[in-house]
Each structure stands twice: as C-alpha cells, then as structure tokens.
C-alpha cells in the first residue's frame, strides 16, 4: 500500500494453492513489489503476520549475498503487512524508516520477517520488526506509516 494506495484499490490478495508457498497470501497491485519480489505473508499460529520471500539470483549483490536495497524493499512491504489492521480504509505511505543490517542472506535462503505495531495513533502507525534467515537476524527495523488522504 506504499504510495498512497488503499487495501481495496491497491493490494489485491491471492492465496497460493500449491507449491512451496501453498497457504501463503500474495498481494498484487503494486508494480514495484511485483518486480522486486515475490513477497508473501500468512498469519502465524500466534495470530500475528509473518512475511517471507526466497532470496533468488535477481536479489543478489556483486558479493553474492542479498542486496541491501532488496532487504529494505522487503522490510517496507513487511511493515505494511504488520500494520494492515491499523491501516484499514486509509491511504498510507512510509514516512520514516530506520534499519540496521546485522547479517547476510545467501542465495536460495528463505527470508522471514516478524514484527509488531508499537503504537497506532490517529494519523501514524509505529512499527518494528526483525528480518531473519535460518533463525539468524539479518535486519532490525523501525518505521512510521503515515495515514494520508486520497488524492483528487
């Protein structure tokens, strides 16, 4: 939903029915995320969202590990999934993002993200999360999502 889209206008959920991602949800409707991903999410047994992607060749940097920009793009997707319940019926954009890279992602790795809404205020939602691979941290982040009005 980054870029001012609402859940109903932008992201369109589709549940995957077979293969590695069976049971996961894929959102369509964001051309950049479709190009950069694919990114998936599901609701974990604790009732909270978990996001995931597979680190593929196109996500790698010249050193053979996942590019920092690809990790940040995935994190931006994740913060909107984490905050989705607090963003219902509103347009929203990433207003601020802080990230700390603390690990590397080799090719072929499953990359996951879990997080939480720290506070949902009237016009802003504060989110934090951790991206991992093989249960090892890759990036911790905090961000603010700003609820906005639709453009005329």
Protein backbone atom coordinates (compact mmCIF):
# COMPACT_ATOMS: atom_id res chain seq x y z
CA UNK A 1 0.00 0.00 0.00
CA UNK A 2 3.02 2.25 -0.02
CA UNK A 3 2.49 5.15 -2.36
CA UNK A 4 -0.97 6.12 -1.26
CA UNK A 5 -2.97 3.04 -2.12
CA UNK A 6 -5.75 1.63 0.00
CA UNK A 7 -6.20 -2.05 0.61
CA UNK A 8 -9.25 -2.07 -1.66
CA UNK A 9 -7.66 -0.05 -4.51
CA UNK A 10 -4.06 -1.26 -4.39
CA UNK A 11 -3.18 -4.60 -2.93
CA UNK A 12 -5.34 -7.48 -4.03
CA UNK A 13 -4.77 -10.67 -2.01
CA UNK A 14 -4.47 -14.08 -3.64
CA UNK A 15 -3.95 -17.26 -1.61
CA UNK A 16 -1.43 -19.63 -3.18
CA UNK A 17 -2.87 -23.12 -3.54
CA UNK A 18 0.14 -25.29 -4.36
CA UNK A 19 3.93 -25.49 -4.29
CA UNK A 20 6.35 -24.06 -1.77
CA UNK A 21 4.03 -21.15 -0.95
CA UNK A 22 0.76 -23.09 -0.55
CA UNK A 23 -1.34 -21.39 2.13
CA UNK A 24 0.55 -18.09 1.89
CA UNK A 25 -1.00 -14.88 0.55
CA UNK A 26 0.48 -12.96 -2.35
CA UNK A 27 -0.60 -9.37 -2.94
CA UNK A 28 -0.85 -7.99 -6.44
CA UNK A 29 -1.46 -4.41 -7.47
CA UNK A 30 1.89 -2.83 -6.57
CA UNK A 31 4.07 -2.94 -9.72
CA UNK A 32 7.33 -2.29 -7.87
CA UNK A 33 6.75 -5.03 -5.29
CA UNK A 34 5.71 -7.44 -8.05
CA UNK A 35 9.00 -6.64 -9.81
CA UNK A 36 11.12 -6.79 -6.63
CA UNK A 37 9.50 -9.87 -5.03
CA UNK A 38 7.59 -12.01 -4.92
CA UNK A 39 6.74 -11.40 -1.27
CA UNK A 40 4.26 -13.48 0.75
CA UNK A 41 2.57 -13.44 4.13
CA UNK A 42 0.41 -15.63 6.34
CA UNK A 43 -0.97 -15.46 9.84
CA UNK A 44 1.20 -17.46 12.23
CA UNK A 45 -0.12 -19.72 14.99
CA UNK A 46 0.12 -16.78 17.43
CA UNK A 47 -2.28 -14.74 15.27
CA UNK A 48 0.41 -12.35 14.03
CA UNK A 49 1.58 -11.96 10.44
CA UNK A 50 4.80 -13.49 9.18
CA UNK A 51 6.19 -12.35 5.85
CA UNK A 52 8.53 -14.38 3.67
CA UNK A 53 10.41 -14.46 0.40
CA UNK A 54 13.02 -16.65 -1.25
CA UNK A 55 16.38 -14.94 -1.96
CA UNK A 56 16.83 -15.53 -5.68
CA UNK A 57 19.56 -14.59 -8.17
CA UNK A 58 17.94 -11.24 -9.02
CA UNK A 59 18.07 -10.23 -5.33
CA UNK A 60 21.85 -10.71 -5.02
CA UNK A 61 24.60 -8.07 -4.98
CA UNK A 62 28.03 -8.32 -6.58
CA UNK A 63 29.37 -10.06 -3.49
CA UNK A 64 26.92 -12.93 -3.87
CA UNK A 65 24.64 -12.04 -0.96
CA UNK A 66 21.21 -10.43 -0.89
CA UNK A 67 21.44 -6.74 -1.84
CA UNK A 68 20.72 -4.29 0.99
CA UNK A 69 18.19 -2.50 -1.20
CA UNK A 70 16.32 -5.76 -1.74
CA UNK A 71 16.25 -6.36 2.02
CA UNK A 72 14.95 -2.82 2.61
CA UNK A 73 12.27 -3.26 -0.07
CA UNK A 74 11.14 -6.46 1.63
CA UNK A 75 11.14 -4.65 5.00
CA UNK A 76 8.94 -1.88 3.56
CA UNK A 77 6.46 -4.49 2.31
CA UNK A 78 6.53 -6.16 5.74
CA UNK A 79 5.80 -3.01 7.70
CA UNK A 80 2.55 -2.52 5.77
CA UNK A 81 1.55 -6.15 6.34
CA UNK A 82 2.35 -5.82 10.05
CA UNK A 83 0.31 -2.59 10.28
CA UNK A 84 -2.51 -3.69 7.95
CA UNK A 85 -5.19 -3.98 10.65
CA UNK A 86 -4.49 -0.40 11.76
CA UNK A 87 -4.49 0.89 8.16
CA UNK A 88 -7.87 -0.43 7.09
CA UNK A 89 -9.80 2.04 4.96
CA UNK A 90 -6.96 4.54 4.83
CA UNK A 91 -4.35 5.56 2.32
CA UNK A 92 -0.83 5.40 3.70
CA UNK A 93 2.84 5.96 2.95
CA UNK A 94 6.14 5.21 4.62
CA UNK A 95 7.01 8.42 6.46
CA UNK A 96 10.18 7.27 8.20
CA UNK A 97 12.30 4.11 8.13
CA UNK A 98 15.32 3.10 10.24
CA UNK A 99 17.11 -0.14 9.57
CA UNK A 100 20.17 -1.88 10.94
CA UNK A 101 21.82 -4.59 8.86
CA UNK A 102 23.16 -7.26 11.20
CA UNK A 103 23.62 -10.29 8.93
CA UNK A 104 23.82 -11.58 5.38
CA UNK A 105 21.47 -13.64 3.23
CA UNK A 106 23.00 -16.24 0.91
CA UNK A 107 21.32 -17.22 -2.39
CA UNK A 108 18.38 -19.59 -2.09
CA UNK A 109 17.67 -18.74 1.55
CA UNK A 110 14.20 -18.40 3.00
CA UNK A 111 13.91 -14.86 4.38
CA UNK A 112 11.24 -14.17 7.01
CA UNK A 113 10.00 -11.15 8.93
CA UNK A 114 8.01 -10.81 12.11
CA UNK A 115 7.10 -7.63 13.87
CA UNK A 116 4.57 -5.64 15.78
CA UNK A 117 2.70 -2.39 15.90
CA UNK A 118 4.25 -0.42 18.74
CA UNK A 119 1.53 2.24 18.66
CA UNK A 120 -1.35 3.07 16.36
CA UNK A 121 -2.19 6.76 16.62
CA UNK A 122 -4.82 8.72 14.73
CA UNK A 123 -2.62 9.55 11.74
CA UNK A 124 0.52 7.45 12.28
CA UNK A 125 1.33 3.82 12.95
CA UNK A 126 4.65 2.94 14.59
CA UNK A 127 6.06 -0.46 13.62
CA UNK A 128 9.13 -2.51 14.42
CA UNK A 129 10.33 -5.79 13.01
CA UNK A 130 13.16 -8.25 12.52
CA UNK A 131 14.10 -9.97 9.28
CA UNK A 132 15.77 -13.36 9.67
CA UNK A 133 17.16 -16.25 7.68
CA UNK A 134 17.79 -19.65 9.29
CA UNK A 135 16.61 -18.10 12.58
CA UNK A 136 19.51 -15.63 12.44
CA UNK A 137 18.84 -11.87 12.35
CA UNK A 138 19.55 -10.04 9.11
CA UNK A 139 17.97 -6.64 9.75
CA UNK A 140 16.10 -4.95 12.56
CA UNK A 141 13.93 -2.00 11.63
CA UNK A 142 11.51 0.56 12.96
CA UNK A 143 9.26 2.69 10.83
CA UNK A 144 6.38 5.12 10.84
CA UNK A 145 3.49 4.76 8.43
CA UNK A 146 1.56 7.96 7.80
CA UNK A 147 -2.14 7.74 7.02
CA UNK A 148 -2.96 10.12 4.18
CA UNK A 149 -6.00 11.36 2.31
CA UNK A 150 -6.73 10.18 -1.22
CA UNK A 151 -5.57 12.47 -3.99
CA UNK A 152 -8.28 14.12 -6.03
